[in-house]
C-alpha atoms as a PDB file:
ATOM      1  CA  MET A   1      -7.271  16.754 -10.223  1.00  0.00           C
ATOM      2  CA  GLY A   2      -5.038  13.633 -10.213  1.00  0.00           C
ATOM      3  CA  TRP A   3      -3.163  14.075  -6.939  1.00  0.00           C
ATOM      4  CA  PHE A   4      -1.652  10.606  -6.916  1.00  0.00           C
ATOM      5  CA  ASN A   5      -1.927   7.796  -9.430  1.00  0.00           C
ATOM      6  CA  ARG A   6      -4.799   5.690  -8.128  1.00  0.00           C
ATOM      7  CA  ARG A   7      -5.784   2.308  -9.479  1.00  0.00           C
ATOM      8  CA  GLN A   8      -8.643   2.403 -11.925  1.00  0.00           C
ATOM      9  CA  ARG A   9     -12.044   1.913 -10.367  1.00  0.00           C
ATOM     10  CA  ARG A  10     -14.397  -0.765 -11.609  1.00  0.00           C
ATOM     11  CA  ASP A  11     -17.415   1.510 -11.816  1.00  0.00           C
ATOM     12  CA  PRO A  12     -17.695   5.218 -12.597  1.00  0.00           C
ATOM     13  CA  GLY A  13     -19.583   5.968  -9.393  1.00  0.00           C
ATOM     14  CA  THR A  14     -22.895   6.337 -11.224  1.00  0.00           C
ATOM     15  CA  ASP A  15     -24.173   2.807 -10.558  1.00  0.00           C
ATOM     16  CA  PRO A  16     -26.462   2.275  -7.544  1.00  0.00           C
ATOM     17  CA  ARG A  17     -24.300   2.384  -4.403  1.00  0.00           C
ATOM     18  CA  ASP A  18     -23.925  -0.076  -1.556  1.00  0.00           C
ATOM     19  CA  SER A  19     -25.967   1.102   1.432  1.00  0.00           C
ATOM     20  CA  ALA A  20     -23.082   0.753   3.926  1.00  0.00           C
ATOM     21  CA  PHE A  21     -19.948   1.355   1.832  1.00  0.00           C
ATOM     22  CA  SER A  22     -20.716   3.976  -0.771  1.00  0.00           C
ATOM     23  CA  PHE A  23     -17.344   3.514  -2.500  1.00  0.00           C
ATOM     24  CA  LEU A  24     -18.700   0.123  -3.646  1.00  0.00           C
ATOM     25  CA  SER A  25     -21.514  -0.292  -6.119  1.00  0.00           C
ATOM     26  CA  ALA A  26     -24.507  -2.298  -4.912  1.00  0.00           C
ATOM     27  CA  ASP A  27     -23.342  -5.285  -6.993  1.00  0.00           C
ATOM     28  CA  GLU A  28     -19.813  -5.030  -5.578  1.00  0.00           C
ATOM     29  CA  GLY A  29     -21.211  -4.862  -2.046  1.00  0.00           C
ATOM     30  CA  ARG A  30     -23.160  -8.087  -2.560  1.00  0.00           C
ATOM     31  CA  ARG A  31     -20.114  -9.779  -4.030  1.00  0.00           C
ATOM     32  CA  PHE A  32     -17.881  -8.558  -1.207  1.00  0.00           C
ATOM     33  CA  ARG A  33     -20.175  -9.983   1.515  1.00  0.00           C
ATOM     34  CA  ALA A  34     -20.631 -13.255  -0.340  1.00  0.00           C
ATOM     35  CA  THR A  35     -16.851 -13.572  -0.565  1.00  0.00           C
ATOM     36  CA  MET A  36     -16.526 -12.770   3.144  1.00  0.00           C
ATOM     37  CA  ARG A  37     -18.976 -15.585   3.957  1.00  0.00           C
ATOM     38  CA  GLU A  38     -17.046 -18.037   1.775  1.00  0.00           C
ATOM     39  CA  VAL A  39     -13.663 -17.197   3.320  1.00  0.00           C
ATOM     40  CA  LEU A  40     -15.081 -17.304   6.856  1.00  0.00           C
ATOM     41  CA  ALA A  41     -16.616 -20.736   6.146  1.00  0.00           C
ATOM     42  CA  GLU A  42     -13.282 -22.004   4.790  1.00  0.00           C
ATOM     43  CA  ARG A  43     -11.717 -21.146   8.157  1.00  0.00           C
ATOM     44  CA  GLY A  44     -14.545 -22.588  10.216  1.00  0.00           C
ATOM     45  CA  ILE A  45     -15.511 -19.197  11.624  1.00  0.00           C
ATOM     46  CA  GLU A  46     -19.194 -19.149  12.498  1.00  0.00           C
ATOM     47  CA  GLY A  47     -21.253 -16.058  13.062  1.00  0.00           C
ATOM     48  CA  VAL A  48     -23.736 -13.584  11.655  1.00  0.00           C
ATOM     49  CA  VAL A  49     -22.594 -11.462   8.715  1.00  0.00           C
ATOM     50  CA  SER A  50     -24.354  -8.088   8.650  1.00  0.00           C
ATOM     51  CA  GLU A  51     -23.820  -5.220   6.219  1.00  0.00           C
ATOM     52  CA  THR A  52     -20.901  -3.785   8.168  1.00  0.00           C
ATOM     53  CA  HIS A  53     -19.434  -6.512  10.393  1.00  0.00           C
ATOM     54  CA  LEU A  54     -19.300 -10.118  11.544  1.00  0.00           C
ATOM     55  CA  THR A  55     -20.592 -11.087  14.989  1.00  0.00           C
ATOM     56  CA  THR A  56     -19.047 -14.397  16.044  1.00  0.00           C
ATOM     57  CA  MET A  57     -20.776 -16.999  18.191  1.00  0.00           C
ATOM     58  CA  ASP A  58     -18.978 -15.719  21.304  1.00  0.00           C
ATOM     59  CA  GLY A  59     -20.126 -12.130  20.670  1.00  0.00           C
ATOM     60  CA  ALA A  60     -16.898 -10.712  19.243  1.00  0.00           C
ATOM     61  CA  GLN A  61     -17.213  -8.348  16.294  1.00  0.00           C
ATOM     62  CA  LEU A  62     -15.079  -7.932  13.183  1.00  0.00           C
ATOM     63  CA  GLY A  63     -15.682  -4.742  11.207  1.00  0.00           C
ATOM     64  CA  PHE A  64     -15.598  -4.908   7.409  1.00  0.00           C
ATOM     65  CA  TYR A  65     -14.797  -1.286   6.511  1.00  0.00           C
ATOM     66  CA  ASN A  66     -11.010  -1.523   6.229  1.00  0.00           C
ATOM     67  CA  ILE A  67     -10.963  -4.735   4.211  1.00  0.00           C
ATOM     68  CA  ALA A  68     -13.768  -3.489   1.923  1.00  0.00           C
ATOM     69  CA  ALA A  69     -11.847  -0.265   1.309  1.00  0.00           C
ATOM     70  CA  TYR A  70      -8.661  -2.239   0.737  1.00  0.00           C
ATOM     71  CA  CYS A  71     -10.367  -4.509  -1.798  1.00  0.00           C
ATOM     72  CA  HIS A  72     -11.814  -1.486  -3.585  1.00  0.00           C
ATOM     73  CA  SER A  73      -8.636   0.578  -3.670  1.00  0.00           C
ATOM     74  CA  TYR A  74      -6.040  -2.088  -4.352  1.00  0.00           C
ATOM     75  CA  GLY A  75      -7.847  -5.253  -5.332  1.00  0.00           C
ATOM     76  CA  GLY A  76      -8.183  -4.730  -9.075  1.00  0.00           C
ATOM     77  CA  ASP A  77     -10.799  -7.120 -10.403  1.00  0.00           C
ATOM     78  CA  PRO A  78     -13.184  -8.517  -7.738  1.00  0.00           C
ATOM     79  CA  GLY A  79     -11.835 -11.932  -8.675  1.00  0.00           C
ATOM     80  CA  SER A  80      -8.754 -11.039  -6.595  1.00  0.00           C
ATOM     81  CA  TRP A  81     -10.819 -10.281  -3.482  1.00  0.00           C
ATOM     82  CA  PRO A  82     -10.855 -13.818  -2.003  1.00  0.00           C
ATOM     83  CA  ALA A  83      -7.040 -13.811  -1.736  1.00  0.00           C
ATOM     84  CA  LEU A  84      -6.993 -10.332  -0.189  1.00  0.00           C
ATOM     85  CA  ILE A  85      -9.681 -11.260   2.338  1.00  0.00           C
ATOM     86  CA  ARG A  86      -7.921 -14.535   3.231  1.00  0.00           C
ATOM     87  CA  GLU A  87      -4.698 -12.643   3.898  1.00  0.00           C
ATOM     88  CA  HIS A  88      -6.552 -10.090   6.039  1.00  0.00           C
ATOM     89  CA  LEU A  89      -8.394 -12.703   8.100  1.00  0.00           C
ATOM     90  CA  ASP A  90      -5.297 -14.843   8.593  1.00  0.00           C
ATOM     91  CA  ARG A  91      -3.445 -11.806   9.924  1.00  0.00           C
ATOM     92  CA  LEU A  92      -6.289 -11.094  12.353  1.00  0.00           C
ATOM     93  CA  LEU A  93      -6.346 -14.723  13.493  1.00  0.00           C
ATOM     94  CA  ARG A  94      -2.596 -14.667  14.156  1.00  0.00           C
ATOM     95  CA  GLU A  95      -3.117 -11.522  16.201  1.00  0.00           C
ATOM     96  CA  HIS A  96      -5.984 -13.140  18.109  1.00  0.00           C
ATOM     97  CA  HIS A  97      -3.945 -16.241  19.009  1.00  0.00           C
ATOM     98  CA  SER A  98      -0.745 -14.429  19.983  1.00  0.00           C
ATOM     99  CA  ASP A  99      -0.570 -11.964  22.835  1.00  0.00           C
ATOM    100  CA  PRO A 100       2.157  -9.330  22.317  1.00  0.00           C
ATOM    101  CA  LEU A 101       1.998  -8.595  26.048  1.00  0.00           C
ATOM    102  CA  ASP A 102       3.689 -11.951  26.607  1.00  0.00           C
ATOM    103  CA  LEU A 103       6.920 -10.485  25.234  1.00  0.00           C
ATOM    104  CA  PRO A 104       9.607  -9.344  27.705  1.00  0.00           C
ATOM    105  CA  HIS A 105       9.252  -5.615  28.423  1.00  0.00           C
ATOM    106  CA  ASP A 106      12.619  -4.790  26.856  1.00  0.00           C
ATOM    107  CA  GLU A 107      11.347  -6.272  23.584  1.00  0.00           C
ATOM    108  CA  LEU A 108       7.852  -4.818  23.856  1.00  0.00           C
ATOM    109  CA  LEU A 109       8.580  -1.177  24.708  1.00  0.00           C
ATOM    110  CA  PRO A 110      10.375  -0.362  21.406  1.00  0.00           C
ATOM    111  CA  THR A 111       7.208  -1.442  19.569  1.00  0.00           C
ATOM    112  CA  VAL A 112       4.782   0.924  21.359  1.00  0.00           C
ATOM    113  CA  PHE A 113       3.585   3.940  19.350  1.00  0.00           C
ATOM    114  CA  PRO A 114       0.884   6.599  19.682  1.00  0.00           C
ATOM    115  CA  ARG A 115      -1.855   6.325  17.073  1.00  0.00           C
ATOM    116  CA  VAL A 116      -4.368   9.035  16.167  1.00  0.00           C
ATOM    117  CA  VAL A 117      -7.803   7.507  15.551  1.00  0.00           C
ATOM    118  CA  PRO A 118     -11.292   8.915  14.905  1.00  0.00           C
ATOM    119  CA  ASP A 119     -14.329   8.530  17.133  1.00  0.00           C
ATOM    120  CA  PHE A 120     -15.976   5.862  14.989  1.00  0.00           C
ATOM    121  CA  GLN A 121     -12.985   3.518  15.329  1.00  0.00           C
ATOM    122  CA  MET A 122     -13.358   3.571  19.100  1.00  0.00           C
ATOM    123  CA  GLN A 123     -16.558   1.555  19.208  1.00  0.00           C
ATOM    124  CA  TYR A 124     -15.690   0.371  22.694  1.00  0.00           C
ATOM    125  CA  ARG A 125     -14.707   3.728  24.163  1.00  0.00           C
ATOM    126  CA  ASP A 126     -14.956   2.356  27.711  1.00  0.00           C
ATOM    127  CA  GLU A 127     -11.962   0.123  26.967  1.00  0.00           C
ATOM    128  CA  PHE A 128      -9.771   3.070  25.923  1.00  0.00           C
ATOM    129  CA  ARG A 129     -10.462   5.661  28.615  1.00  0.00           C
ATOM    130  CA  TYR A 130      -6.781   6.562  28.894  1.00  0.00           C
ATOM    131  CA  GLY A 131      -6.605   8.057  25.389  1.00  0.00           C
ATOM    132  CA  PRO A 132      -6.463  11.889  25.282  1.00  0.00           C
ATOM    133  CA  GLU A 133      -8.489  13.871  22.738  1.00  0.00           C
ATOM    134  CA  VAL A 134      -6.188  15.888  20.442  1.00  0.00           C
ATOM    135  CA  ALA A 135      -8.920  17.580  18.368  1.00  0.00           C
ATOM    136  CA  GLU A 136     -12.668  17.384  17.977  1.00  0.00           C
ATOM    137  CA  GLY A 137     -13.435  13.715  17.282  1.00  0.00           C
ATOM    138  CA  LEU A 138      -9.765  12.620  17.253  1.00  0.00           C
ATOM    139  CA  TRP A 139      -8.165  10.594  20.015  1.00  0.00           C
ATOM    140  CA  VAL A 140      -4.743   9.130  20.712  1.00  0.00           C
ATOM    141  CA  VAL A 141      -4.376   5.497  21.715  1.00  0.00           C
ATOM    142  CA  LEU A 142      -1.262   3.391  22.176  1.00  0.00           C
ATOM    143  CA  ALA A 143      -0.568   0.527  19.788  1.00  0.00           C
ATOM    144  CA  ILE A 144       1.954  -2.280  19.541  1.00  0.00           C
ATOM    145  CA  ASP A 145       3.605  -2.529  16.124  1.00  0.00           C
ATOM    146  CA  ARG A 146       4.549  -6.113  15.314  1.00  0.00           C
ATOM    147  CA  PRO A 147       5.749  -7.459  11.943  1.00  0.00           C
ATOM    148  CA  ASP A 148       2.323  -8.775  10.919  1.00  0.00           C
ATOM    149  CA  THR A 149      -0.127  -6.775  13.016  1.00  0.00           C
ATOM    150  CA  VAL A 150      -0.727  -3.524  14.839  1.00  0.00           C
ATOM    151  CA  THR A 151      -2.593  -4.093  18.107  1.00  0.00           C
ATOM    152  CA  THR A 152      -4.372  -1.246  19.881  1.00  0.00           C
ATOM    153  CA  MET A 153      -3.986  -1.529  23.648  1.00  0.00           C
ATOM    154  CA  PRO A 154      -7.055  -1.206  25.891  1.00  0.00           C
ATOM    155  CA  ASP A 155      -7.013   0.042  29.493  1.00  0.00           C
ATOM    156  CA  THR A 156      -6.244  -3.414  30.862  1.00  0.00           C
ATOM    157  CA  ALA A 157      -3.101  -3.780  28.731  1.00  0.00           C
ATOM    158  CA  ILE A 158      -1.942  -0.265  29.640  1.00  0.00           C
ATOM    159  CA  ALA A 159      -2.290  -1.146  33.324  1.00  0.00           C
ATOM    160  CA  GLU A 160      -0.319  -4.389  32.895  1.00  0.00           C
ATOM    161  CA  LEU A 161       2.570  -2.442  31.360  1.00  0.00           C
ATOM    162  CA  GLY A 162       2.804   0.090  34.152  1.00  0.00           C
ATOM    163  CA  GLY A 163       0.240   2.712  33.180  1.00  0.00           C
ATOM    164  CA  PHE A 164      -0.172   5.426  30.574  1.00  0.00           C
ATOM    165  CA  ASP A 165       2.237   7.875  32.243  1.00  0.00           C
ATOM    166  CA  ARG A 166       5.034   5.334  31.945  1.00  0.00           C
ATOM    167  CA  LEU A 167       4.270   4.277  28.368  1.00  0.00           C
ATOM    168  CA  TRP A 168       3.504   7.669  26.809  1.00  0.00           C
ATOM    169  CA  PRO A 169       7.080   9.087  26.873  1.00  0.00           C
ATOM    170  CA  ARG A 170       8.456   5.871  25.365  1.00  0.00           C
ATOM    171  CA  ALA A 171       5.756   5.797  22.663  1.00  0.00           C
ATOM    172  CA  MET A 172       6.588   9.389  21.685  1.00  0.00           C
ATOM    173  CA  GLU A 173      10.311   8.559  21.678  1.00  0.00           C
ATOM    174  CA  ASN A 174       9.608   5.671  19.293  1.00  0.00           C
ATOM    175  CA  LEU A 175       7.534   7.966  17.044  1.00  0.00           C
ATOM    176  CA  ARG A 176      10.364  10.521  16.898  1.00  0.00           C
ATOM    177  CA  ALA A 177      12.831   7.773  15.961  1.00  0.00           C
ATOM    178  CA  LEU A 178      10.928   6.727  12.836  1.00  0.00           C
ATOM    179  CA  PRO A 179      12.751   7.619   9.615  1.00  0.00           C
ATOM    180  CA  ILE A 180      11.295  10.525   7.659  1.00  0.00           C
ATOM    181  CA  PRO A 181       9.587   9.222   4.510  1.00  0.00           C
ATOM    182  CA  ALA A 182       9.618  10.946   1.161  1.00  0.00           C
ATOM    183  CA  HIS A 183       7.134  13.742   0.641  1.00  0.00           C
ATOM    184  CA  HIS A 184       5.556  15.317  -2.419  1.00  0.00           C
ATOM    185  CA  THR A 185       4.980  18.999  -3.054  1.00  0.00           C
ATOM    186  CA  PHE A 186       1.912  20.105  -4.963  1.00  0.00           C
ATOM    187  CA  GLY A 187       1.570  23.640  -6.222  1.00  0.00           C
ATOM    188  CA  ARG A 188      -0.723  25.981  -8.035  1.00  0.00           C
ATOM    189  CA  GLN A 189      -0.568  29.676  -8.663  1.00  0.00           C
ATOM    190  CA  SER A 190      -1.776  32.123  -6.023  1.00  0.00           C
ATOM    191  CA  GLY A 191      -0.291  30.267  -3.061  1.00  0.00           C
ATOM    192  CA  GLY A 192      -1.875  26.850  -3.504  1.00  0.00           C
ATOM    193  CA  TRP A 193       1.211  24.791  -2.726  1.00  0.00           C
ATOM    194  CA  PHE A 194       1.346  22.194   0.063  1.00  0.00           C
ATOM    195  CA  HIS A 195       3.324  19.097   1.030  1.00  0.00           C
ATOM    196  CA  ALA A 196       2.022  15.523   1.335  1.00  0.00           C
ATOM    197  CA  MET A 197       3.932  12.833   3.225  1.00  0.00           C
ATOM    198  CA  VAL A 198       2.916   9.298   2.250  1.00  0.00           C
ATOM    199  CA  ASP A 199       4.230   6.146   3.879  1.00  0.00           C
ATOM    200  CA  ASP A 200       3.002   2.610   4.555  1.00  0.00           C
ATOM    201  CA  SER A 201       3.447   3.062   8.302  1.00  0.00           C
ATOM    202  CA  TYR A 202       0.321   2.976  10.473  1.00  0.00           C
ATOM    203  CA  PHE A 203       1.757   5.987  12.307  1.00  0.00           C
ATOM    204  CA  THR A 204       2.352   8.506   9.505  1.00  0.00           C
ATOM    205  CA  ALA A 205      -0.732  10.552  10.449  1.00  0.00           C
ATOM    206  CA  SER A 206       0.327  10.347  14.099  1.00  0.00           C
ATOM    207  CA  ARG A 207       3.353  12.519  13.281  1.00  0.00           C
ATOM    208  CA  VAL A 208       0.972  15.454  13.695  1.00  0.00           C
ATOM    209  CA  LEU A 209       1.715  14.999  17.413  1.00  0.00           C
ATOM    210  CA  ILE A 210       5.308  16.104  16.754  1.00  0.00           C
ATOM    211  CA  LEU A 211       4.660  18.378  13.781  1.00  0.00           C
ATOM    212  CA  ASP A 212       7.043  21.123  14.880  1.00  0.00           C
ATOM    213  CA  GLU A 213       9.895  18.655  15.396  1.00  0.00           C
ATOM    214  CA  LEU A 214       9.112  16.939  12.096  1.00  0.00           C
ATOM    215  CA  LEU A 215       9.195  20.170  10.082  1.00  0.00           C
ATOM    216  CA  THR A 216      12.415  21.209  11.810  1.00  0.00           C
ATOM    217  CA  ARG A 217      14.064  17.907  10.851  1.00  0.00           C
ATOM    218  CA  MET A 218      12.797  18.334   7.295  1.00  0.00           C
ATOM    219  CA  GLU A 219      14.136  21.914   7.218  1.00  0.00           C
ATOM    220  CA  VAL A 220      10.678  23.228   6.363  1.00  0.00           C
ATOM    221  CA  PRO A 221      10.358  26.698   7.981  1.00  0.00           C
ATOM    222  CA  PHE A 222       7.275  27.664   9.980  1.00  0.00           C
ATOM    223  CA  GLY A 223       6.449  30.477  12.358  1.00  0.00           C
ATOM    224  CA  ASP A 224       3.947  31.749  14.903  1.00  0.00           C
ATOM    225  CA  ASP A 225       1.130  31.788  12.339  1.00  0.00           C
ATOM    226  CA  GLY A 226       1.219  28.007  12.390  1.00  0.00           C
ATOM    227  CA  VAL A 227       0.604  25.283   9.828  1.00  0.00           C
ATOM    228  CA  LEU A 228      -2.376  23.999   7.870  1.00  0.00           C
ATOM    229  CA  VAL A 229      -2.487  20.227   8.328  1.00  0.00           C
ATOM    230  CA  THR A 230      -4.684  17.245   7.476  1.00  0.00           C
ATOM    231  CA  MET A 231      -4.553  13.503   8.203  1.00  0.00           C
ATOM    232  CA  PRO A 232      -6.844  11.786   5.658  1.00  0.00           C
ATOM    233  CA  ASN A 233      -5.775   8.280   6.643  1.00  0.00           C
ATOM    234  CA  ARG A 234      -3.106   6.552   8.676  1.00  0.00           C
ATOM    235  CA  THR A 235      -0.546   6.640   5.834  1.00  0.00           C
ATOM    236  CA  GLN A 236      -0.786  10.359   4.929  1.00  0.00           C
ATOM    237  CA  LEU A 237       0.148  13.655   6.562  1.00  0.00           C
ATOM    238  CA  VAL A 238      -0.532  16.822   4.536  1.00  0.00           C
ATOM    239  CA  PHE A 239       0.788  20.225   5.615  1.00  0.00           C
ATOM    240  CA  ARG A 240       1.363  23.826   4.542  1.00  0.00           C
ATOM    241  CA  PRO A 241       3.280  26.263   6.773  1.00  0.00           C
ATOM    242  CA  LEU A 242       1.747  29.730   6.907  1.00  0.00           C
ATOM    243  CA  ASP A 243       4.830  31.685   5.919  1.00  0.00           C
ATOM    244  CA  GLY A 244       3.417  35.134   5.202  1.00  0.00           C
ATOM    245  CA  SER A 245       2.518  34.401   1.573  1.00  0.00           C
ATOM    246  CA  ARG A 246      -0.990  34.049   0.147  1.00  0.00           C
ATOM    247  CA  PHE A 247      -2.521  30.721   1.142  1.00  0.00           C
ATOM    248  CA  ALA A 248      -6.285  30.859   0.475  1.00  0.00           C
ATOM    249  CA  THR A 249      -5.933  28.550  -2.531  1.00  0.00           C
ATOM    250  CA  ALA A 250      -4.114  26.020  -0.350  1.00  0.00           C
ATOM    251  CA  VAL A 251      -7.068  25.991   2.061  1.00  0.00           C
ATOM    252  CA  HIS A 252      -9.320  24.755  -0.745  1.00  0.00           C
ATOM    253  CA  ASP A 253      -6.786  22.498  -2.469  1.00  0.00           C
ATOM    254  CA  MET A 254      -5.739  20.755   0.736  1.00  0.00           C
ATOM    255  CA  THR A 255      -9.378  20.164   1.622  1.00  0.00           C
ATOM    256  CA  ASP A 256     -10.010  18.648  -1.814  1.00  0.00           C
ATOM    257  CA  PHE A 257      -6.881  16.473  -1.550  1.00  0.00           C
ATOM    258  CA  THR A 258      -7.888  15.295   1.907  1.00  0.00           C
ATOM    259  CA  ILE A 259     -11.411  14.304   0.914  1.00  0.00           C
ATOM    260  CA  ARG A 260      -9.980  12.282  -1.970  1.00  0.00           C
ATOM    261  CA  GLY A 261      -7.608  10.509   0.416  1.00  0.00           C
ATOM    262  CA  TYR A 262     -10.362   9.839   2.925  1.00  0.00           C
ATOM    263  CA  VAL A 263     -13.337   8.503   1.001  1.00  0.00           C
ATOM    264  CA  ASP A 264     -12.347   4.896   0.340  1.00  0.00           C
ATOM    265  CA  THR A 265      -9.076   4.142   2.091  1.00  0.00           C
ATOM    266  CA  PRO A 266      -8.214   1.725   4.924  1.00  0.00           C
ATOM    267  CA  GLY A 267      -7.291   3.357   8.209  1.00  0.00           C
ATOM    268  CA  LEU A 268      -9.366   6.528   7.908  1.00  0.00           C
ATOM    269  CA  VAL A 269      -8.465   9.358  10.262  1.00  0.00           C
ATOM    270  CA  SER A 270     -10.220  12.615   9.310  1.00  0.00           C
ATOM    271  CA  PRO A 271     -11.662  14.414   6.257  1.00  0.00           C
ATOM    272  CA  HIS A 272     -11.119  17.791   7.966  1.00  0.00           C
ATOM    273  CA  LEU A 273      -8.643  20.643   7.637  1.00  0.00           C
ATOM    274  CA  TYR A 274      -6.888  21.772  10.828  1.00  0.00           C
ATOM    275  CA  TRP A 275      -4.864  24.802  11.890  1.00  0.00           C
ATOM    276  CA  TRP A 276      -1.861  23.793  14.001  1.00  0.00           C
ATOM    277  CA  ARG A 277      -0.348  26.376  16.338  1.00  0.00           C
ATOM    278  CA  HIS A 278       2.116  25.617  19.147  1.00  0.00           C
ATOM    279  CA  GLY A 279       0.933  22.016  19.392  1.00  0.00           C
ATOM    280  CA  GLU A 280      -2.812  22.801  19.369  1.00  0.00           C
ATOM    281  CA  LEU A 281      -5.181  21.778  16.553  1.00  0.00           C
ATOM    282  CA  THR A 282      -8.189  23.900  15.552  1.00  0.00           C
ATOM    283  CA  GLN A 283     -10.662  22.300  13.152  1.00  0.00           C
ATOM    284  CA  LEU A 284     -11.467  24.572  10.177  1.00  0.00           C
ATOM    285  CA  THR A 285     -14.101  22.459   8.420  1.00  0.00           C
ATOM    286  CA  GLN A 286     -17.338  20.723   9.379  1.00  0.00           C
ATOM    287  CA  HIS A 287     -19.311  17.766   8.028  1.00  0.00           C
ATOM    288  CA  GLU A 288     -22.731  19.101   7.084  1.00  0.00           C
ATOM    289  CA  ASP A 289     -25.416  17.381   4.967  1.00  0.00           C
ATOM    290  CA  ASP A 290     -22.852  14.993   3.438  1.00  0.00           C
ATOM    291  CA  ARG A 291     -20.628  17.938   2.502  1.00  0.00           C
ATOM    292  CA  ILE A 292     -17.474  19.423   3.972  1.00  0.00           C
ATOM    293  CA  THR A 293     -18.012  23.127   4.720  1.00  0.00           C
ATOM    294  CA  PHE A 294     -15.649  25.752   6.128  1.00  0.00           C
ATOM    295  CA  ASP A 295     -16.010  27.069   9.672  1.00  0.00           C
ATOM    296  CA  LEU A 296     -13.158  29.551  10.078  1.00  0.00           C
ATOM    297  CA  PRO A 297     -12.493  31.278  13.424  1.00  0.00           C
ATOM    298  CA  GLU A 298     -12.046  35.032  13.436  1.00  0.00           C
ATOM    299  CA  ASP A 299      -8.286  34.973  14.029  1.00  0.00           C
ATOM    300  CA  PHE A 300      -7.819  32.670  11.049  1.00  0.00           C
ATOM    301  CA  ARG A 301      -9.929  34.979   8.862  1.00  0.00           C
ATOM    302  CA  GLU A 302      -7.688  37.828   9.941  1.00  0.00           C
ATOM    303  CA  LEU A 303      -4.685  35.894   8.626  1.00  0.00           C
ATOM    304  CA  LEU A 304      -6.430  35.353   5.304  1.00  0.00           C
ATOM    305  CA  ASP A 305      -7.162  39.061   5.059  1.00  0.00           C
ATOM    306  CA  ARG A 306      -3.656  40.039   6.082  1.00  0.00           C
ATOM    307  CA  TYR A 307      -1.950  37.924   3.449  1.00  0.00           C
ATOM    308  CA  GLY A 308      -4.603  38.400   0.778  1.00  0.00           C
ATOM    309  CA  GLU A 309      -7.002  35.882  -0.665  1.00  0.00           C
END
């Protein structure tokens, strides 16, 4: 099913896969790392390049997943990868050499936003102890949104700015103030329709934190039965209010859509389907033997039965 027009892939997925990034073929993986080494050498950055990251001489690490996914999804021919990687590294270097915390507070506070991130992006969990868990394996951290970079703030930065309790209300206020992007509606017979919001913002998926307010502003009705919702990556929020009509097809179609938006995209959030009710998220799928399977609680099954499958 062609949910969105995606750029044509360079291999059909049947070639031997890269051991770390399965969306790349083995040949593409070798070419990607060779290009990374060349671009790093151009910039005088020394370190050890492993399959998944660079470890610099001072012990800092730079993960490769996002830039590999970006090259794969949007890079066209691998010949364009050096330019994409240069742009990515230059942006990271600008971030490294400029400290957004040096800005006056009245300039900094409007740039603070909550960001929903998965467990595996929080490699240094001890540095982000302030972040609350919003669902199994999903956490909220605070980030500074600057024109060229988005910087996630560790505990030390939060403390410098007055603490989480001071920053959280302002971050949520900033999230609410974002303009509502366009959304697409997909539909199939037997209740398979759902909405997908797509935007370049790093904080599109984070709108799940204000889902009720968002749907109200969009004039999308919802009730006590809640909303099916997914966040495949940082730029997508997918939702289907449970409005009393049949929705079993939407359960499957949203899951399929979400997996497609998750497998090879920068800024991954979650491949799972969630049930939102009164601000709480219940995970309805599990990752099992490299497959997504359904794990539906009894009260959700009762809804399926009530409205018919």
